[in-house]
All heavy atoms as atom14 arrays in JSON, in Angstrom:
{
  "sequence": "LKHDVIIWHHPFYWYSAPSLLKEWFDLVLEHGFAYGREGNALEGKI",
  "atom14_mask": [
    [1, 1, 1, 1, 1, 1, 1, 1, 0, 0, 0, 0, 0, 0],
    [1, 1, 1, 1, 1, 1, 1, 1, 1, 0, 0, 0, 0, 0],
    [1, 1, 1, 1, 1, 1, 1, 1, 1, 1, 0, 0, 0, 0],
    [1, 1, 1, 1, 1, 1, 1, 1, 0, 0, 0, 0, 0, 0],
    [1, 1, 1, 1, 1, 1, 1, 0, 0, 0, 0, 0, 0, 0],
    [1, 1, 1, 1, 1, 1, 1, 1, 0, 0, 0, 0, 0, 0],
    [1, 1, 1, 1, 1, 1, 1, 1, 0, 0, 0, 0, 0, 0],
    [1, 1, 1, 1, 1, 1, 1, 1, 1, 1, 1, 1, 1, 1],
    [1, 1, 1, 1, 1, 1, 1, 1, 1, 1, 0, 0, 0, 0],
    [1, 1, 1, 1, 1, 1, 1, 1, 1, 1, 0, 0, 0, 0],
    [1, 1, 1, 1, 1, 1, 1, 0, 0, 0, 0, 0, 0, 0],
    [1, 1, 1, 1, 1, 1, 1, 1, 1, 1, 1, 0, 0, 0],
    [1, 1, 1, 1, 1, 1, 1, 1, 1, 1, 1, 1, 0, 0],
    [1, 1, 1, 1, 1, 1, 1, 1, 1, 1, 1, 1, 1, 1],
    [1, 1, 1, 1, 1, 1, 1, 1, 1, 1, 1, 1, 0, 0],
    [1, 1, 1, 1, 1, 1, 0, 0, 0, 0, 0, 0, 0, 0],
    [1, 1, 1, 1, 1, 0, 0, 0, 0, 0, 0, 0, 0, 0],
    [1, 1, 1, 1, 1, 1, 1, 0, 0, 0, 0, 0, 0, 0],
    [1, 1, 1, 1, 1, 1, 0, 0, 0, 0, 0, 0, 0, 0],
    [1, 1, 1, 1, 1, 1, 1, 1, 0, 0, 0, 0, 0, 0],
    [1, 1, 1, 1, 1, 1, 1, 1, 0, 0, 0, 0, 0, 0],
    [1, 1, 1, 1, 1, 1, 1, 1, 1, 0, 0, 0, 0, 0],
    [1, 1, 1, 1, 1, 1, 1, 1, 1, 0, 0, 0, 0, 0],
    [1, 1, 1, 1, 1, 1, 1, 1, 1, 1, 1, 1, 1, 1],
    [1, 1, 1, 1, 1, 1, 1, 1, 1, 1, 1, 0, 0, 0],
    [1, 1, 1, 1, 1, 1, 1, 1, 0, 0, 0, 0, 0, 0],
    [1, 1, 1, 1, 1, 1, 1, 1, 0, 0, 0, 0, 0, 0],
    [1, 1, 1, 1, 1, 1, 1, 0, 0, 0, 0, 0, 0, 0],
    [1, 1, 1, 1, 1, 1, 1, 1, 0, 0, 0, 0, 0, 0],
    [1, 1, 1, 1, 1, 1, 1, 1, 1, 0, 0, 0, 0, 0],
    [1, 1, 1, 1, 1, 1, 1, 1, 1, 1, 0, 0, 0, 0],
    [1, 1, 1, 1, 0, 0, 0, 0, 0, 0, 0, 0, 0, 0],
    [1, 1, 1, 1, 1, 1, 1, 1, 1, 1, 1, 0, 0, 0],
    [1, 1, 1, 1, 1, 0, 0, 0, 0, 0, 0, 0, 0, 0],
    [1, 1, 1, 1, 1, 1, 1, 1, 1, 1, 1, 1, 0, 0],
    [1, 1, 1, 1, 0, 0, 0, 0, 0, 0, 0, 0, 0, 0],
    [1, 1, 1, 1, 1, 1, 1, 1, 1, 1, 1, 0, 0, 0],
    [1, 1, 1, 1, 1, 1, 1, 1, 1, 0, 0, 0, 0, 0],
    [1, 1, 1, 1, 0, 0, 0, 0, 0, 0, 0, 0, 0, 0],
    [1, 1, 1, 1, 1, 1, 1, 1, 0, 0, 0, 0, 0, 0],
    [1, 1, 1, 1, 1, 0, 0, 0, 0, 0, 0, 0, 0, 0],
    [1, 1, 1, 1, 1, 1, 1, 1, 0, 0, 0, 0, 0, 0],
    [1, 1, 1, 1, 1, 1, 1, 1, 1, 0, 0, 0, 0, 0],
    [1, 1, 1, 1, 0, 0, 0, 0, 0, 0, 0, 0, 0, 0],
    [1, 1, 1, 1, 1, 1, 1, 1, 1, 0, 0, 0, 0, 0],
    [1, 1, 1, 1, 1, 1, 1, 1, 0, 0, 0, 0, 0, 0]
  ],
  "atom14_positions": [
    [[-2.62, -0.08, 10.12], [-2.14, 0.45, 11.39], [-1.93, -0.64, 12.44], [-1.05, -0.52, 13.3], [-3.14, 1.49, 11.94], [-3.23, 2.79, 11.14], [-4.39, 3.64, 11.67], [-1.92, 3.56, 11.19], [0.0, 0.0, 0.0], [0.0, 0.0, 0.0], [0.0, 0.0, 0.0], [0.0, 0.0, 0.0], [0.0, 0.0, 0.0], [0.0, 0.0, 0.0]],
    [[-2.69, -1.71, 12.36], [-2.62, -2.79, 13.35], [-1.53, -3.82, 13.07], [-1.34, -4.72, 13.86], [-3.97, -3.52, 13.42], [-5.09, -2.68, 13.96], [-6.39, -3.46, 13.88], [-7.57, -2.56, 14.24], [-8.84, -3.22, 13.96], [0.0, 0.0, 0.0], [0.0, 0.0, 0.0], [0.0, 0.0, 0.0], [0.0, 0.0, 0.0], [0.0, 0.0, 0.0]],
    [[-0.86, -3.71, 11.94], [0.12, -4.72, 11.55], [1.5, -4.1, 11.33], [1.62, -2.93, 11.0], [-0.36, -5.44, 10.28], [-1.57, -6.28, 10.54], [-2.83, -5.75, 10.56], [-1.7, -7.6, 10.8], [-3.71, -6.72, 10.82], [-3.04, -7.85, 10.97], [0.0, 0.0, 0.0], [0.0, 0.0, 0.0], [0.0, 0.0, 0.0], [0.0, 0.0, 0.0]],
    [[2.51, -4.95, 11.49], [3.91, -4.52, 11.36], [4.54, -4.9, 10.02], [5.47, -4.25, 9.57], [4.75, -5.17, 12.48], [4.12, -4.96, 13.84], [4.05, -3.81, 14.28], [3.69, -5.96, 14.45], [0.0, 0.0, 0.0], [0.0, 0.0, 0.0], [0.0, 0.0, 0.0], [0.0, 0.0, 0.0], [0.0, 0.0, 0.0], [0.0, 0.0, 0.0]],
    [[4.03, -5.96, 9.44], [4.55, -6.48, 8.17], [3.39, -6.55, 7.18], [2.33, -7.09, 7.5], [5.16, -7.89, 8.36], [5.66, -8.45, 7.02], [6.27, -7.88, 9.4], [0.0, 0.0, 0.0], [0.0, 0.0, 0.0], [0.0, 0.0, 0.0], [0.0, 0.0, 0.0], [0.0, 0.0, 0.0], [0.0, 0.0, 0.0], [0.0, 0.0, 0.0]],
    [[3.61, -6.0, 6.0], [2.58, -5.98, 4.96], [3.1, -6.77, 3.76], [4.18, -6.46, 3.23], [2.26, -4.53, 4.5], [2.06, -3.58, 5.68], [1.09, -4.53, 3.52], [1.01, -3.96, 6.67], [0.0, 0.0, 0.0], [0.0, 0.0, 0.0], [0.0, 0.0, 0.0], [0.0, 0.0, 0.0], [0.0, 0.0, 0.0], [0.0, 0.0, 0.0]],
    [[2.34, -7.78, 3.34], [2.72, -8.58, 2.17], [1.65, -8.4, 1.1], [0.47, -8.67, 1.35], [2.89, -10.06, 2.53], [3.99, -10.22, 3.58], [3.2, -10.89, 1.27], [4.18, -11.63, 4.08], [0.0, 0.0, 0.0], [0.0, 0.0, 0.0], [0.0, 0.0, 0.0], [0.0, 0.0, 0.0], [0.0, 0.0, 0.0], [0.0, 0.0, 0.0]],
    [[2.07, -7.95, -0.06], [1.18, -7.84, -1.21], [1.3, -9.16, -1.98], [2.28, -9.4, -2.68], [1.54, -6.65, -2.08], [1.43, -5.35, -1.33], [0.32, -4.85, -0.72], [2.47, -4.41, -1.08], [0.61, -3.65, -0.12], [1.92, -3.35, -0.34], [3.82, -4.35, -1.44], [2.66, -2.25, 0.07], [4.57, -3.26, -1.04], [3.99, -2.22, -0.28]],
    [[0.31, -10.01, -1.82], [0.34, -11.37, -2.36], [-0.6, -11.44, -3.57], [-1.81, -11.21, -3.43], [-0.14, -12.34, -1.26], [-0.12, -13.77, -1.65], [0.34, -14.73, -0.81], [-0.5, -14.42, -2.78], [0.24, -15.91, -1.38], [-0.27, -15.73, -2.59], [0.0, 0.0, 0.0], [0.0, 0.0, 0.0], [0.0, 0.0, 0.0], [0.0, 0.0, 0.0]],
    [[-0.03, -11.75, -4.73], [-0.83, -11.73, -5.95], [-0.13, -12.48, -7.08], [1.09, -12.63, -7.08], [-1.08, -10.28, -6.41], [0.18, -9.51, -6.62], [0.79, -9.4, -7.85], [0.96, -8.79, -5.76], [1.88, -8.66, -7.74], [2.02, -8.28, -6.49], [0.0, 0.0, 0.0], [0.0, 0.0, 0.0], [0.0, 0.0, 0.0], [0.0, 0.0, 0.0]],
    [[-0.91, -12.93, -8.07], [-0.27, -13.45, -9.28], [0.29, -12.27, -10.08], [-0.17, -11.14, -9.94], [-1.43, -14.13, -10.03], [-2.66, -13.44, -9.54], [-2.37, -13.0, -8.14], [0.0, 0.0, 0.0], [0.0, 0.0, 0.0], [0.0, 0.0, 0.0], [0.0, 0.0, 0.0], [0.0, 0.0, 0.0], [0.0, 0.0, 0.0], [0.0, 0.0, 0.0]],
    [[1.26, -12.56, -10.88], [1.89, -11.54, -11.72], [1.07, -11.39, -12.99], [1.11, -12.26, -13.86], [3.32, -12.02, -12.04], [4.32, -10.94, -12.2], [4.31, -9.81, -11.42], [5.34, -11.09, -13.14], [5.27, -8.82, -11.57], [6.31, -10.12, -13.3], [6.27, -8.99, -12.51], [0.0, 0.0, 0.0], [0.0, 0.0, 0.0], [0.0, 0.0, 0.0]],
    [[0.3, -10.33, -13.08], [-0.58, -10.08, -14.23], [0.03, -8.99, -15.1], [0.16, -7.85, -14.67], [-1.95, -9.61, -13.74], [-2.94, -10.71, -13.47], [-2.54, -11.99, -13.12], [-4.29, -10.47, -13.57], [-3.45, -12.99, -12.87], [-5.22, -11.46, -13.32], [-4.79, -12.72, -12.97], [-5.7, -13.71, -12.73], [0.0, 0.0, 0.0], [0.0, 0.0, 0.0]],
    [[0.36, -9.32, -16.31], [0.92, -8.35, -17.24], [2.0, -7.49, -16.59], [1.96, -6.27, -16.63], [-0.18, -7.5, -17.9], [-0.88, -8.29, -18.95], [-2.08, -8.92, -18.83], [-0.4, -8.59, -20.25], [-2.37, -9.6, -19.99], [-1.35, -9.41, -20.89], [0.76, -8.26, -20.95], [-1.19, -9.88, -22.18], [0.91, -8.73, -22.24], [-0.06, -9.53, -22.84]],
    [[2.92, -8.18, -15.92], [4.1, -7.55, -15.32], [3.74, -6.63, -14.15], [4.5, -5.74, -13.81], [4.93, -6.8, -16.37], [5.18, -7.66, -17.58], [4.52, -7.42, -18.78], [6.05, -8.74, -17.51], [4.74, -8.23, -19.88], [6.26, -9.56, -18.6], [5.6, -9.3, -19.79], [5.81, -10.11, -20.87], [0.0, 0.0, 0.0], [0.0, 0.0, 0.0]],
    [[2.62, -6.88, -13.53], [2.19, -6.05, -12.41], [1.22, -6.84, -11.55], [1.33, -8.06, -11.46], [1.53, -4.77, -12.96], [1.25, -3.88, -11.9], [0.0, 0.0, 0.0], [0.0, 0.0, 0.0], [0.0, 0.0, 0.0], [0.0, 0.0, 0.0], [0.0, 0.0, 0.0], [0.0, 0.0, 0.0], [0.0, 0.0, 0.0], [0.0, 0.0, 0.0]],
    [[0.29, -6.14, -10.94], [-0.68, -6.75, -10.05], [-2.07, -6.73, -10.66], [-2.35, -5.91, -11.53], [-0.68, -5.98, -8.73], [0.0, 0.0, 0.0], [0.0, 0.0, 0.0], [0.0, 0.0, 0.0], [0.0, 0.0, 0.0], [0.0, 0.0, 0.0], [0.0, 0.0, 0.0], [0.0, 0.0, 0.0], [0.0, 0.0, 0.0], [0.0, 0.0, 0.0]],
    [[-2.96, -7.59, -10.19], [-4.35, -7.5, -10.62], [-4.95, -6.13, -10.29], [-4.5, -5.45, -9.37], [-5.04, -8.61, -9.81], [-3.95, -9.57, -9.49], [-2.73, -8.72, -9.28], [0.0, 0.0, 0.0], [0.0, 0.0, 0.0], [0.0, 0.0, 0.0], [0.0, 0.0, 0.0], [0.0, 0.0, 0.0], [0.0, 0.0, 0.0], [0.0, 0.0, 0.0]],
    [[-5.96, -5.76, -11.04], [-6.5, -4.4, -10.98], [-7.01, -3.98, -9.61], [-6.86, -2.82, -9.23], [-7.6, -4.22, -12.03], [-8.65, -5.15, -11.81], [0.0, 0.0, 0.0], [0.0, 0.0, 0.0], [0.0, 0.0, 0.0], [0.0, 0.0, 0.0], [0.0, 0.0, 0.0], [0.0, 0.0, 0.0], [0.0, 0.0, 0.0], [0.0, 0.0, 0.0]],
    [[-7.6, -4.89, -8.85], [-8.12, -4.49, -7.54], [-6.99, -4.11, -6.58], [-7.15, -3.21, -5.75], [-9.0, -5.58, -6.94], [-9.73, -5.25, -5.65], [-10.56, -3.97, -5.75], [-10.61, -6.42, -5.21], [0.0, 0.0, 0.0], [0.0, 0.0, 0.0], [0.0, 0.0, 0.0], [0.0, 0.0, 0.0], [0.0, 0.0, 0.0], [0.0, 0.0, 0.0]],
    [[-5.86, -4.77, -6.69], [-4.73, -4.38, -5.85], [-4.21, -3.0, -6.24], [-3.86, -2.19, -5.38], [-3.59, -5.41, -5.92], [-2.4, -5.15, -5.0], [-2.82, -4.99, -3.54], [-1.37, -6.26, -5.14], [0.0, 0.0, 0.0], [0.0, 0.0, 0.0], [0.0, 0.0, 0.0], [0.0, 0.0, 0.0], [0.0, 0.0, 0.0], [0.0, 0.0, 0.0]],
    [[-4.19, -2.71, -7.53], [-3.79, -1.36, -7.97], [-4.77, -0.33, -7.43], [-4.37, 0.74, -6.95], [-3.74, -1.31, -9.51], [-3.43, 0.06, -10.07], [-2.05, 0.56, -9.68], [-1.65, 1.81, -10.43], [-1.93, 3.04, -9.72], [0.0, 0.0, 0.0], [0.0, 0.0, 0.0], [0.0, 0.0, 0.0], [0.0, 0.0, 0.0], [0.0, 0.0, 0.0]],
    [[-6.06, -0.63, -7.48], [-7.08, 0.26, -6.92], [-6.85, 0.47, -5.42], [-6.97, 1.57, -4.9], [-8.47, -0.32, -7.17], [-9.62, 0.51, -6.65], [-9.99, 1.67, -7.56], [-9.31, 1.89, -8.58], [-10.95, 2.37, -7.23], [0.0, 0.0, 0.0], [0.0, 0.0, 0.0], [0.0, 0.0, 0.0], [0.0, 0.0, 0.0], [0.0, 0.0, 0.0]],
    [[-6.49, -0.62, -4.73], [-6.19, -0.55, -3.3], [-5.06, 0.44, -3.05], [-5.16, 1.3, -2.17], [-5.84, -1.96, -2.79], [-5.56, -2.05, -1.34], [-6.45, -2.35, -0.35], [-4.3, -1.85, -0.68], [-5.81, -2.34, 0.88], [-4.49, -2.04, 0.69], [-3.02, -1.53, -1.14], [-3.45, -1.92, 1.62], [-1.99, -1.41, -0.23], [-2.22, -1.6, 1.13]],
    [[-3.99, 0.34, -3.83], [-2.87, 1.28, -3.68], [-3.34, 2.72, -3.91], [-3.0, 3.62, -3.15], [-1.75, 0.96, -4.69], [-0.72, 0.02, -4.16], [-0.92, -1.35, -4.21], [0.47, 0.5, -3.63], [0.04, -2.22, -3.73], [1.44, -0.36, -3.14], [1.22, -1.73, -3.2], [0.0, 0.0, 0.0], [0.0, 0.0, 0.0], [0.0, 0.0, 0.0]],
    [[-4.09, 2.92, -4.99], [-4.53, 4.27, -5.35], [-5.37, 4.93, -4.27], [-5.27, 6.14, -4.05], [-5.34, 4.24, -6.65], [-4.49, 3.89, -7.87], [-3.24, 3.96, -7.78], [-5.08, 3.55, -8.91], [0.0, 0.0, 0.0], [0.0, 0.0, 0.0], [0.0, 0.0, 0.0], [0.0, 0.0, 0.0], [0.0, 0.0, 0.0], [0.0, 0.0, 0.0]],
    [[-6.21, 4.14, -3.6], [-7.14, 4.71, -2.63], [-6.64, 4.67, -1.19], [-6.8, 5.63, -0.43], [-8.49, 3.99, -2.72], [-9.21, 4.09, -4.05], [-10.49, 3.27, -4.03], [-9.49, 5.53, -4.42], [0.0, 0.0, 0.0], [0.0, 0.0, 0.0], [0.0, 0.0, 0.0], [0.0, 0.0, 0.0], [0.0, 0.0, 0.0], [0.0, 0.0, 0.0]],
    [[-6.07, 3.56, -0.78], [-5.72, 3.35, 0.63], [-4.46, 4.1, 1.04], [-4.4, 4.68, 2.12], [-5.59, 1.84, 0.93], [-5.12, 1.61, 2.36], [-6.93, 1.13, 0.67], [0.0, 0.0, 0.0], [0.0, 0.0, 0.0], [0.0, 0.0, 0.0], [0.0, 0.0, 0.0], [0.0, 0.0, 0.0], [0.0, 0.0, 0.0], [0.0, 0.0, 0.0]],
    [[-3.46, 4.12, 0.18], [-2.2, 4.78, 0.53], [-2.28, 6.26, 0.17], [-1.5, 6.78, -0.61], [-1.04, 4.1, -0.19], [-0.86, 2.61, 0.12], [0.36, 2.06, -0.61], [-0.79, 2.34, 1.6], [0.0, 0.0, 0.0], [0.0, 0.0, 0.0], [0.0, 0.0, 0.0], [0.0, 0.0, 0.0], [0.0, 0.0, 0.0], [0.0, 0.0, 0.0]],
    [[-3.2, 6.94, 0.79], [-3.45, 8.33, 0.43], [-2.51, 9.31, 1.14], [-1.95, 9.01, 2.2], [-4.91, 8.7, 0.65], [-5.39, 8.59, 2.06], [-6.91, 8.81, 2.19], [-7.57, 9.21, 1.22], [-7.4, 8.58, 3.29], [0.0, 0.0, 0.0], [0.0, 0.0, 0.0], [0.0, 0.0, 0.0], [0.0, 0.0, 0.0], [0.0, 0.0, 0.0]],
    [[-2.36, 10.45, 0.51], [-1.54, 11.55, 1.03], [-2.09, 11.95, 2.4], [-3.3, 12.02, 2.61], [-1.59, 12.74, 0.07], [-0.69, 13.86, 0.47], [-1.09, 14.85, 1.32], [0.6, 14.11, 0.15], [-0.1, 15.7, 1.5], [0.95, 15.27, 0.8], [0.0, 0.0, 0.0], [0.0, 0.0, 0.0], [0.0, 0.0, 0.0], [0.0, 0.0, 0.0]],
    [[-1.2, 12.17, 3.32], [-1.6, 12.55, 4.66], [-1.77, 11.35, 5.58], [-1.78, 11.49, 6.8], [0.0, 0.0, 0.0], [0.0, 0.0, 0.0], [0.0, 0.0, 0.0], [0.0, 0.0, 0.0], [0.0, 0.0, 0.0], [0.0, 0.0, 0.0], [0.0, 0.0, 0.0], [0.0, 0.0, 0.0], [0.0, 0.0, 0.0], [0.0, 0.0, 0.0]],
    [[-1.89, 10.18, 5.0], [-1.93, 8.94, 5.79], [-0.64, 8.16, 5.59], [0.09, 7.91, 6.53], [-3.13, 8.07, 5.38], [-3.1, 6.69, 6.01], [-3.43, 6.51, 7.34], [-2.72, 5.57, 5.26], [-3.38, 5.24, 7.92], [-2.66, 4.31, 5.83], [-3.0, 4.14, 7.16], [0.0, 0.0, 0.0], [0.0, 0.0, 0.0], [0.0, 0.0, 0.0]],
    [[-0.37, 7.79, 4.35], [0.77, 6.93, 4.05], [2.03, 7.69, 3.63], [3.13, 7.18, 3.75], [0.4, 5.94, 2.95], [0.0, 0.0, 0.0], [0.0, 0.0, 0.0], [0.0, 0.0, 0.0], [0.0, 0.0, 0.0], [0.0, 0.0, 0.0], [0.0, 0.0, 0.0], [0.0, 0.0, 0.0], [0.0, 0.0, 0.0], [0.0, 0.0, 0.0]],
    [[1.85, 8.89, 3.14], [3.01, 9.68, 2.69], [2.67, 11.16, 2.78], [1.53, 11.54, 3.06], [3.43, 9.28, 1.27], [2.46, 9.71, 0.2], [2.66, 10.88, -0.52], [1.33, 8.95, -0.09], [1.77, 11.28, -1.51], [0.45, 9.33, -1.07], [0.66, 10.51, -1.77], [-0.22, 10.9, -2.74], [0.0, 0.0, 0.0], [0.0, 0.0, 0.0]],
    [[3.67, 11.98, 2.55], [3.5, 13.43, 2.65], [3.99, 13.92, 4.0], [4.41, 13.13, 4.86], [0.0, 0.0, 0.0], [0.0, 0.0, 0.0], [0.0, 0.0, 0.0], [0.0, 0.0, 0.0], [0.0, 0.0, 0.0], [0.0, 0.0, 0.0], [0.0, 0.0, 0.0], [0.0, 0.0, 0.0], [0.0, 0.0, 0.0], [0.0, 0.0, 0.0]],
    [[3.93, 15.2, 4.2], [4.43, 15.81, 5.42], [3.81, 15.19, 6.67], [4.47, 14.94, 7.66], [4.18, 17.31, 5.39], [4.85, 18.07, 6.52], [4.71, 19.56, 6.37], [5.44, 19.94, 5.15], [5.21, 21.04, 4.46], [4.29, 21.88, 4.83], [5.9, 21.29, 3.38], [0.0, 0.0, 0.0], [0.0, 0.0, 0.0], [0.0, 0.0, 0.0]],
    [[2.51, 14.96, 6.64], [1.78, 14.4, 7.78], [1.6, 12.88, 7.67], [1.11, 12.26, 8.61], [0.41, 15.05, 7.88], [0.41, 16.57, 7.87], [0.78, 17.16, 9.21], [0.38, 16.6, 10.24], [1.49, 18.18, 9.22], [0.0, 0.0, 0.0], [0.0, 0.0, 0.0], [0.0, 0.0, 0.0], [0.0, 0.0, 0.0], [0.0, 0.0, 0.0]],
    [[1.96, 12.3, 6.56], [1.68, 10.89, 6.31], [2.77, 9.95, 6.77], [3.62, 9.54, 5.99], [0.0, 0.0, 0.0], [0.0, 0.0, 0.0], [0.0, 0.0, 0.0], [0.0, 0.0, 0.0], [0.0, 0.0, 0.0], [0.0, 0.0, 0.0], [0.0, 0.0, 0.0], [0.0, 0.0, 0.0], [0.0, 0.0, 0.0], [0.0, 0.0, 0.0]],
    [[2.72, 9.6, 8.04], [3.74, 8.74, 8.63], [3.17, 7.44, 9.2], [3.84, 6.75, 9.96], [4.47, 9.49, 9.74], [5.19, 10.7, 9.21], [5.88, 10.62, 8.19], [5.01, 11.84, 9.86], [0.0, 0.0, 0.0], [0.0, 0.0, 0.0], [0.0, 0.0, 0.0], [0.0, 0.0, 0.0], [0.0, 0.0, 0.0], [0.0, 0.0, 0.0]],
    [[1.95, 7.1, 8.85], [1.27, 5.96, 9.46], [1.99, 4.63, 9.23], [1.9, 3.72, 10.05], [-0.16, 5.87, 8.95], [0.0, 0.0, 0.0], [0.0, 0.0, 0.0], [0.0, 0.0, 0.0], [0.0, 0.0, 0.0], [0.0, 0.0, 0.0], [0.0, 0.0, 0.0], [0.0, 0.0, 0.0], [0.0, 0.0, 0.0], [0.0, 0.0, 0.0]],
    [[2.72, 4.51, 8.14], [3.36, 3.24, 7.79], [4.87, 3.24, 8.03], [5.54, 2.25, 7.74], [3.05, 2.9, 6.33], [1.56, 2.87, 5.98], [1.37, 2.54, 4.51], [0.81, 1.9, 6.86], [0.0, 0.0, 0.0], [0.0, 0.0, 0.0], [0.0, 0.0, 0.0], [0.0, 0.0, 0.0], [0.0, 0.0, 0.0], [0.0, 0.0, 0.0]],
    [[5.36, 4.31, 8.55], [6.8, 4.46, 8.75], [7.37, 3.31, 9.58], [6.84, 2.97, 10.64], [7.11, 5.79, 9.44], [8.59, 6.06, 9.56], [8.89, 7.46, 10.07], [7.95, 8.24, 10.32], [10.08, 7.78, 10.21], [0.0, 0.0, 0.0], [0.0, 0.0, 0.0], [0.0, 0.0, 0.0], [0.0, 0.0, 0.0], [0.0, 0.0, 0.0]],
    [[8.42, 2.7, 9.07], [9.11, 1.63, 9.78], [8.53, 0.25, 9.58], [9.12, -0.75, 9.98], [0.0, 0.0, 0.0], [0.0, 0.0, 0.0], [0.0, 0.0, 0.0], [0.0, 0.0, 0.0], [0.0, 0.0, 0.0], [0.0, 0.0, 0.0], [0.0, 0.0, 0.0], [0.0, 0.0, 0.0], [0.0, 0.0, 0.0], [0.0, 0.0, 0.0]],
    [[7.37, 0.14, 8.95], [6.78, -1.18, 8.7], [7.55, -1.88, 7.59], [8.21, -1.24, 6.77], [5.3, -1.04, 8.33], [4.45, -0.52, 9.5], [2.99, -0.42, 9.13], [2.17, 0.23, 10.23], [1.89, -0.64, 11.36], [0.0, 0.0, 0.0], [0.0, 0.0, 0.0], [0.0, 0.0, 0.0], [0.0, 0.0, 0.0], [0.0, 0.0, 0.0]],
    [[7.46, -3.18, 7.56], [8.12, -3.99, 6.55], [7.11, -4.33, 5.46], [5.95, -4.61, 5.75], [8.69, -5.27, 7.18], [9.8, -4.91, 8.18], [9.19, -6.24, 6.11], [10.25, -6.07, 9.03], [0.0, 0.0, 0.0], [0.0, 0.0, 0.0], [0.0, 0.0, 0.0], [0.0, 0.0, 0.0], [0.0, 0.0, 0.0], [0.0, 0.0, 0.0]]
  ]
}
């Protein structure tokens, strides 16, 4: 919420990201916060 630009910085592990970053996506970008009808917290960010 405090930042305008988000950079996911990681080595390329098996054509994706390391497991903790995947866990971060699964938990942090939750419905109602990051997406969904009410989830507009990240709208317009880069």
